[in-house]
Amino acid sequence: MTTNHELAEQIERLVRDHIAASRTAVAAAVERAFAVMTSAAGHPQRAAVASAGARAKPAPRRATEEVAALADRFYAAVCRNPGETMATLAPQVGASPRALQVAVAQLKRADRVRAVGQRQFTRYFPRTANAQAAA
């Protein structure tokens, strides 16, 4: 029959063994992580990818004339189909919704388009002459 003292010693031994095994596993994981960073240090691109994750190269800026042309095409599409979402209007314009964001922002600032809703549920309406005069 085991006494309370013997049972306490067994528990202490199990806890010490578990902590030692955890320390060994953590040390091995840290060594692997630093080994990857050390091997990537000789290669700047690999170091950036290893530390910050894979990032895409930013797209070049579009010319103002191109953005203005997109805005005009979007405005025409909104006039033909008021109350539609960007996803619906984008194929009519011939651009992706992401490519239209700057053009639509310009139309909003110029008060030519009104946006109602949020995120992917935003619907676009053309501003009329009466609405511009009232505003």
N, C-alpha and C. Protein backbone atom coordinates (compact mmCIF):
# COMPACT_ATOMS: atom_id res chain seq x y z
N MET A 1 0.84 -1.16 0.00
CA MET A 1 0.00 0.00 0.00
C MET A 1 0.89 1.24 0.00
N THR A 2 0.52 2.21 -0.87
CA THR A 2 1.33 3.42 -0.96
C THR A 2 0.80 4.47 0.01
N THR A 3 1.72 5.19 0.56
CA THR A 3 1.35 6.23 1.50
C THR A 3 1.18 7.55 0.74
N ASN A 4 0.66 8.49 1.43
CA ASN A 4 0.49 9.82 0.81
C ASN A 4 1.83 10.42 0.40
N HIS A 5 2.86 10.18 1.22
CA HIS A 5 4.18 10.70 0.93
C HIS A 5 4.73 10.08 -0.35
N GLU A 6 4.59 8.75 -0.52
CA GLU A 6 5.07 8.07 -1.73
C GLU A 6 4.29 8.54 -2.96
N LEU A 7 3.00 8.72 -2.80
CA LEU A 7 2.16 9.20 -3.89
C LEU A 7 2.58 10.62 -4.31
N ALA A 8 2.86 11.47 -3.37
CA ALA A 8 3.31 12.83 -3.66
C ALA A 8 4.64 12.80 -4.40
N GLU A 9 5.55 11.91 -3.99
CA GLU A 9 6.85 11.79 -4.68
C GLU A 9 6.66 11.32 -6.12
N GLN A 10 5.75 10.39 -6.37
CA GLN A 10 5.49 9.92 -7.73
C GLN A 10 4.92 11.05 -8.60
N ILE A 11 4.03 11.81 -8.01
CA ILE A 11 3.44 12.94 -8.76
C ILE A 11 4.53 13.95 -9.10
N GLU A 12 5.37 14.26 -8.12
CA GLU A 12 6.46 15.21 -8.35
C GLU A 12 7.39 14.72 -9.47
N ARG A 13 7.70 13.43 -9.48
CA ARG A 13 8.57 12.84 -10.49
C ARG A 13 7.92 12.94 -11.87
N LEU A 14 6.63 12.64 -11.96
CA LEU A 14 5.91 12.74 -13.22
C LEU A 14 5.89 14.18 -13.74
N VAL A 15 5.67 15.12 -12.86
CA VAL A 15 5.65 16.53 -13.26
C VAL A 15 7.02 16.96 -13.76
N ARG A 16 8.10 16.56 -13.03
CA ARG A 16 9.46 16.90 -13.46
C ARG A 16 9.77 16.29 -14.83
N ASP A 17 9.38 15.04 -15.04
CA ASP A 17 9.61 14.38 -16.33
C ASP A 17 8.86 15.10 -17.46
N HIS A 18 7.63 15.49 -17.18
CA HIS A 18 6.82 16.19 -18.18
C HIS A 18 7.45 17.55 -18.52
N ILE A 19 7.88 18.29 -17.52
CA ILE A 19 8.50 19.59 -17.76
C ILE A 19 9.80 19.42 -18.55
N ALA A 20 10.58 18.42 -18.23
CA ALA A 20 11.84 18.18 -18.96
C ALA A 20 11.55 17.84 -20.42
N ALA A 21 10.55 17.01 -20.68
CA ALA A 21 10.20 16.65 -22.05
C ALA A 21 9.69 17.88 -22.81
N SER A 22 8.90 18.73 -22.15
CA SER A 22 8.39 19.96 -22.78
C SER A 22 9.53 20.90 -23.13
N ARG A 23 10.49 21.06 -22.20
CA ARG A 23 11.64 21.92 -22.47
C ARG A 23 12.45 21.42 -23.66
N THR A 24 12.62 20.12 -23.75
CA THR A 24 13.36 19.54 -24.87
C THR A 24 12.63 19.81 -26.19
N ALA A 25 11.32 19.64 -26.21
CA ALA A 25 10.54 19.88 -27.42
C ALA A 25 10.58 21.35 -27.82
N VAL A 26 10.48 22.24 -26.84
CA VAL A 26 10.52 23.68 -27.13
C VAL A 26 11.89 24.08 -27.66
N ALA A 27 12.94 23.56 -27.04
CA ALA A 27 14.29 23.88 -27.49
C ALA A 27 14.51 23.41 -28.93
N ALA A 28 14.00 22.24 -29.27
CA ALA A 28 14.14 21.73 -30.64
C ALA A 28 13.37 22.62 -31.62
N ALA A 29 12.17 23.06 -31.24
CA ALA A 29 11.37 23.93 -32.11
C ALA A 29 12.06 25.27 -32.33
N VAL A 30 12.64 25.83 -31.27
CA VAL A 30 13.34 27.11 -31.40
C VAL A 30 14.57 26.94 -32.29
N GLU A 31 15.28 25.87 -32.13
CA GLU A 31 16.46 25.62 -32.98
C GLU A 31 16.06 25.50 -34.44
N ARG A 32 14.94 24.82 -34.73
CA ARG A 32 14.48 24.70 -36.12
C ARG A 32 14.10 26.07 -36.68
N ALA A 33 13.43 26.89 -35.86
CA ALA A 33 13.01 28.22 -36.32
C ALA A 33 14.22 29.09 -36.63
N PHE A 34 15.23 29.06 -35.74
CA PHE A 34 16.41 29.87 -35.99
C PHE A 34 17.24 29.31 -37.14
N ALA A 35 17.19 28.02 -37.35
CA ALA A 35 17.91 27.43 -38.48
C ALA A 35 17.32 27.92 -39.79
N VAL A 36 16.01 28.04 -39.88
CA VAL A 36 15.35 28.55 -41.08
C VAL A 36 15.74 30.01 -41.28
N MET A 37 15.72 30.80 -40.23
CA MET A 37 16.07 32.22 -40.33
C MET A 37 17.54 32.39 -40.70
N THR A 38 18.42 31.55 -40.16
CA THR A 38 19.84 31.64 -40.46
C THR A 38 20.11 31.29 -41.91
N SER A 39 19.45 30.26 -42.42
CA SER A 39 19.67 29.88 -43.81
C SER A 39 19.06 30.91 -44.75
N ALA A 40 18.01 31.59 -44.33
CA ALA A 40 17.39 32.62 -45.16
C ALA A 40 18.12 33.94 -45.06
N ALA A 41 18.97 34.11 -44.06
CA ALA A 41 19.66 35.38 -43.87
C ALA A 41 20.60 35.69 -45.02
N GLY A 42 21.16 34.70 -45.65
CA GLY A 42 22.04 34.91 -46.79
C GLY A 42 21.28 35.34 -48.02
N HIS A 43 19.99 35.15 -48.03
CA HIS A 43 19.15 35.47 -49.18
C HIS A 43 18.08 36.46 -48.73
N PRO A 44 18.20 37.76 -49.07
CA PRO A 44 17.27 38.77 -48.54
C PRO A 44 15.80 38.50 -48.84
N GLN A 45 15.50 37.99 -50.04
CA GLN A 45 14.10 37.73 -50.36
C GLN A 45 13.54 36.63 -49.48
N ARG A 46 14.31 35.59 -49.28
CA ARG A 46 13.83 34.50 -48.42
C ARG A 46 13.63 34.98 -47.00
N ALA A 47 14.52 35.83 -46.51
CA ALA A 47 14.38 36.35 -45.15
C ALA A 47 13.10 37.16 -45.02
N ALA A 48 12.78 37.96 -46.04
CA ALA A 48 11.56 38.75 -45.98
C ALA A 48 10.33 37.86 -46.02
N VAL A 49 10.36 36.83 -46.85
CA VAL A 49 9.23 35.91 -46.93
C VAL A 49 9.09 35.12 -45.63
N ALA A 50 10.21 34.70 -45.06
CA ALA A 50 10.16 33.93 -43.83
C ALA A 50 9.64 34.77 -42.68
N SER A 51 9.98 36.07 -42.66
CA SER A 51 9.57 36.88 -41.53
C SER A 51 8.21 37.52 -41.73
N ALA A 52 7.84 37.89 -42.94
CA ALA A 52 6.61 38.63 -43.15
C ALA A 52 5.56 37.85 -43.94
N GLY A 53 5.86 36.69 -44.39
CA GLY A 53 4.92 35.94 -45.21
C GLY A 53 5.03 36.37 -46.66
N ALA A 54 4.40 35.64 -47.53
CA ALA A 54 4.48 35.94 -48.96
C ALA A 54 3.62 37.16 -49.27
N ARG A 55 4.21 38.16 -49.89
CA ARG A 55 3.48 39.37 -50.26
C ARG A 55 3.61 39.58 -51.76
N ALA A 56 2.51 40.00 -52.35
CA ALA A 56 2.51 40.24 -53.79
C ALA A 56 3.13 41.61 -54.07
N LYS A 57 3.71 41.73 -55.23
CA LYS A 57 4.29 43.00 -55.65
C LYS A 57 3.13 43.96 -55.94
N PRO A 58 3.20 45.20 -55.46
CA PRO A 58 2.09 46.12 -55.69
C PRO A 58 1.95 46.43 -57.18
N ALA A 59 0.72 46.65 -57.59
CA ALA A 59 0.45 46.96 -58.99
C ALA A 59 0.90 48.38 -59.29
N PRO A 60 1.30 48.64 -60.52
CA PRO A 60 1.70 50.01 -60.87
C PRO A 60 0.48 50.93 -60.86
N ARG A 61 0.73 52.21 -60.60
CA ARG A 61 -0.37 53.18 -60.57
C ARG A 61 -0.90 53.40 -61.98
N ARG A 62 -2.22 53.58 -62.04
CA ARG A 62 -2.84 53.84 -63.34
C ARG A 62 -2.80 55.33 -63.64
N ALA A 63 -2.80 55.65 -64.90
CA ALA A 63 -2.80 57.05 -65.32
C ALA A 63 -4.14 57.68 -64.97
N THR A 64 -4.13 58.99 -64.73
CA THR A 64 -5.37 59.68 -64.37
C THR A 64 -6.40 59.61 -65.50
N GLU A 65 -5.91 59.58 -66.74
CA GLU A 65 -6.84 59.47 -67.87
C GLU A 65 -7.56 58.13 -67.86
N GLU A 66 -6.83 57.08 -67.49
CA GLU A 66 -7.43 55.74 -67.43
C GLU A 66 -8.47 55.67 -66.32
N VAL A 67 -8.16 56.27 -65.17
CA VAL A 67 -9.11 56.28 -64.05
C VAL A 67 -10.34 57.10 -64.43
N ALA A 68 -10.14 58.22 -65.10
CA ALA A 68 -11.27 59.05 -65.53
C ALA A 68 -12.15 58.30 -66.53
N ALA A 69 -11.53 57.55 -67.44
CA ALA A 69 -12.30 56.76 -68.41
C ALA A 69 -13.11 55.68 -67.70
N LEU A 70 -12.50 55.02 -66.71
CA LEU A 70 -13.23 54.02 -65.92
C LEU A 70 -14.40 54.67 -65.20
N ALA A 71 -14.17 55.86 -64.64
CA ALA A 71 -15.24 56.56 -63.93
C ALA A 71 -16.39 56.88 -64.86
N ASP A 72 -16.08 57.34 -66.06
CA ASP A 72 -17.14 57.66 -67.02
C ASP A 72 -17.92 56.42 -67.42
N ARG A 73 -17.21 55.33 -67.67
CA ARG A 73 -17.90 54.08 -68.04
C ARG A 73 -18.76 53.57 -66.88
N PHE A 74 -18.26 53.69 -65.64
CA PHE A 74 -19.03 53.26 -64.48
C PHE A 74 -20.27 54.13 -64.33
N TYR A 75 -20.11 55.44 -64.51
CA TYR A 75 -21.25 56.35 -64.38
C TYR A 75 -22.32 56.02 -65.42
N ALA A 76 -21.90 55.72 -66.64
CA ALA A 76 -22.86 55.34 -67.68
C ALA A 76 -23.59 54.05 -67.31
N ALA A 77 -22.85 53.10 -66.74
CA ALA A 77 -23.47 51.83 -66.33
C ALA A 77 -24.45 52.06 -65.18
N VAL A 78 -24.12 52.95 -64.25
CA VAL A 78 -25.02 53.26 -63.14
C VAL A 78 -26.28 53.94 -63.66
N CYS A 79 -26.13 54.82 -64.64
CA CYS A 79 -27.31 55.49 -65.21
C CYS A 79 -28.23 54.50 -65.92
N ARG A 80 -27.63 53.49 -66.57
CA ARG A 80 -28.45 52.46 -67.24
C ARG A 80 -29.10 51.52 -66.23
N ASN A 81 -28.41 51.22 -65.12
CA ASN A 81 -28.89 50.25 -64.13
C ASN A 81 -28.75 50.82 -62.72
N PRO A 82 -29.57 51.80 -62.34
CA PRO A 82 -29.43 52.35 -61.00
C PRO A 82 -29.81 51.33 -59.93
N GLY A 83 -29.10 51.38 -58.81
CA GLY A 83 -29.41 50.50 -57.69
C GLY A 83 -28.71 49.16 -57.74
N GLU A 84 -27.76 48.99 -58.65
CA GLU A 84 -27.04 47.73 -58.75
C GLU A 84 -25.77 47.77 -57.90
N THR A 85 -25.23 46.59 -57.61
CA THR A 85 -24.00 46.49 -56.84
C THR A 85 -22.79 46.63 -57.75
N MET A 86 -21.64 46.84 -57.14
CA MET A 86 -20.39 46.96 -57.91
C MET A 86 -20.11 45.68 -58.68
N ALA A 87 -20.39 44.52 -58.07
CA ALA A 87 -20.13 43.25 -58.72
C ALA A 87 -20.98 43.09 -59.99
N THR A 88 -22.17 43.64 -59.99
CA THR A 88 -23.04 43.57 -61.15
C THR A 88 -22.60 44.56 -62.23
N LEU A 89 -22.17 45.73 -61.80
CA LEU A 89 -21.80 46.78 -62.76
C LEU A 89 -20.40 46.59 -63.35
N ALA A 90 -19.51 45.97 -62.61
CA ALA A 90 -18.11 45.84 -63.06
C ALA A 90 -17.98 45.14 -64.42
N PRO A 91 -18.66 44.01 -64.68
CA PRO A 91 -18.52 43.39 -66.00
C PRO A 91 -19.02 44.29 -67.14
N GLN A 92 -20.02 45.12 -66.87
CA GLN A 92 -20.52 46.03 -67.89
C GLN A 92 -19.49 47.10 -68.22
N VAL A 93 -18.70 47.46 -67.21
CA VAL A 93 -17.66 48.47 -67.39
C VAL A 93 -16.43 47.85 -68.04
N GLY A 94 -16.23 46.57 -67.82
CA GLY A 94 -15.06 45.88 -68.36
C GLY A 94 -13.88 45.92 -67.42
N ALA A 95 -14.15 45.95 -66.11
CA ALA A 95 -13.08 45.98 -65.10
C ALA A 95 -13.53 45.19 -63.89
N SER A 96 -12.58 44.86 -63.04
CA SER A 96 -12.91 44.15 -61.81
C SER A 96 -13.42 45.16 -60.78
N PRO A 97 -14.20 44.70 -59.80
CA PRO A 97 -14.65 45.62 -58.75
C PRO A 97 -13.48 46.31 -58.03
N ARG A 98 -12.40 45.60 -57.84
CA ARG A 98 -11.23 46.19 -57.17
C ARG A 98 -10.62 47.31 -58.02
N ALA A 99 -10.60 47.12 -59.32
CA ALA A 99 -10.03 48.13 -60.21
C ALA A 99 -10.90 49.38 -60.26
N LEU A 100 -12.17 49.26 -59.93
CA LEU A 100 -13.09 50.40 -60.00
C LEU A 100 -13.12 51.24 -58.73
N GLN A 101 -12.49 50.81 -57.67
CA GLN A 101 -12.61 51.51 -56.39
C GLN A 101 -12.17 52.96 -56.47
N VAL A 102 -11.05 53.24 -57.09
CA VAL A 102 -10.56 54.62 -57.17
C VAL A 102 -11.49 55.46 -58.03
N ALA A 103 -11.94 54.92 -59.15
CA ALA A 103 -12.84 55.65 -60.04
C ALA A 103 -14.15 55.97 -59.34
N VAL A 104 -14.70 55.02 -58.61
CA VAL A 104 -15.97 55.24 -57.90
C VAL A 104 -15.78 56.27 -56.78
N ALA A 105 -14.65 56.23 -56.11
CA ALA A 105 -14.37 57.22 -55.06
C ALA A 105 -14.34 58.62 -55.66
N GLN A 106 -13.77 58.76 -56.85
CA GLN A 106 -13.76 60.07 -57.52
C GLN A 106 -15.17 60.52 -57.86
N LEU A 107 -16.00 59.59 -58.35
CA LEU A 107 -17.39 59.92 -58.66
C LEU A 107 -18.16 60.35 -57.42
N LYS A 108 -17.91 59.69 -56.31
CA LYS A 108 -18.57 60.07 -55.06
C LYS A 108 -18.13 61.47 -54.62
N ARG A 109 -16.83 61.74 -54.69
CA ARG A 109 -16.32 63.07 -54.29
C ARG A 109 -16.90 64.17 -55.18
N ALA A 110 -17.07 63.85 -56.46
CA ALA A 110 -17.63 64.82 -57.40
C ALA A 110 -19.16 64.89 -57.28
N ASP A 111 -19.74 64.09 -56.42
CA ASP A 111 -21.18 64.04 -56.17
C ASP A 111 -21.96 63.65 -57.42
N ARG A 112 -21.37 62.77 -58.22
CA ARG A 112 -22.06 62.27 -59.40
C ARG A 112 -22.75 60.94 -59.11
N VAL A 113 -22.30 60.23 -58.05
CA VAL A 113 -22.85 58.93 -57.70
C VAL A 113 -23.14 58.92 -56.20
N ARG A 114 -24.23 58.27 -55.85
CA ARG A 114 -24.60 58.10 -54.45
C ARG A 114 -24.52 56.62 -54.12
N ALA A 115 -23.89 56.28 -53.00
CA ALA A 115 -23.76 54.89 -52.58
C ALA A 115 -24.62 54.66 -51.35
N VAL A 116 -25.38 53.56 -51.38
CA VAL A 116 -26.25 53.21 -50.27
C VAL A 116 -25.92 51.79 -49.86
N GLY A 117 -25.64 51.57 -48.59
CA GLY A 117 -25.32 50.24 -48.09
C GLY A 117 -23.86 50.15 -47.69
N GLN A 118 -23.46 48.95 -47.33
CA GLN A 118 -22.10 48.72 -46.87
C GLN A 118 -21.50 47.49 -47.53
N ARG A 119 -20.19 47.55 -47.70
CA ARG A 119 -19.37 46.45 -48.22
C ARG A 119 -19.93 45.91 -49.53
N GLN A 120 -20.10 44.59 -49.62
CA GLN A 120 -20.54 44.01 -50.89
C GLN A 120 -22.01 44.27 -51.17
N PHE A 121 -22.73 44.84 -50.21
CA PHE A 121 -24.15 45.12 -50.41
C PHE A 121 -24.40 46.58 -50.82
N THR A 122 -23.35 47.32 -51.09
CA THR A 122 -23.49 48.72 -51.50
C THR A 122 -24.13 48.80 -52.88
N ARG A 123 -25.09 49.67 -52.99
CA ARG A 123 -25.77 49.87 -54.27
C ARG A 123 -25.52 51.31 -54.70
N TYR A 124 -25.38 51.50 -56.00
CA TYR A 124 -24.99 52.80 -56.54
C TYR A 124 -26.12 53.41 -57.36
N PHE A 125 -26.30 54.72 -57.16
CA PHE A 125 -27.34 55.48 -57.85
C PHE A 125 -26.72 56.73 -58.44
N PRO A 126 -27.16 57.12 -59.65
CA PRO A 126 -26.64 58.38 -60.21
C PRO A 126 -27.29 59.56 -59.51
N ARG A 127 -26.54 60.63 -59.37
CA ARG A 127 -27.10 61.86 -58.82
C ARG A 127 -27.74 62.61 -59.98
N THR A 128 -28.95 63.10 -59.77
CA THR A 128 -29.62 63.84 -60.82
C THR A 128 -29.39 65.33 -60.60
N ALA A 129 -29.72 66.14 -61.58
CA ALA A 129 -29.55 67.59 -61.47
C ALA A 129 -30.39 68.14 -60.34
N ASN A 130 -31.61 67.61 -60.14
CA ASN A 130 -32.49 68.07 -59.07
C ASN A 130 -31.91 67.72 -57.70
N ALA A 131 -31.33 66.54 -57.60
CA ALA A 131 -30.76 66.13 -56.32
C ALA A 131 -29.52 66.96 -56.01
N GLN A 132 -28.74 67.32 -57.04
CA GLN A 132 -27.54 68.13 -56.81
C GLN A 132 -27.95 69.54 -56.40
N ALA A 133 -29.03 70.08 -57.00
CA ALA A 133 -29.48 71.43 -56.65
C ALA A 133 -30.04 71.46 -55.23
N ALA A 134 -30.74 70.38 -54.83
CA ALA A 134 -31.30 70.33 -53.47
C ALA A 134 -30.21 70.17 -52.43
N ALA A 135 -29.11 69.47 -52.78
CA ALA A 135 -28.03 69.26 -51.83
C ALA A 135 -27.17 70.46 -51.75
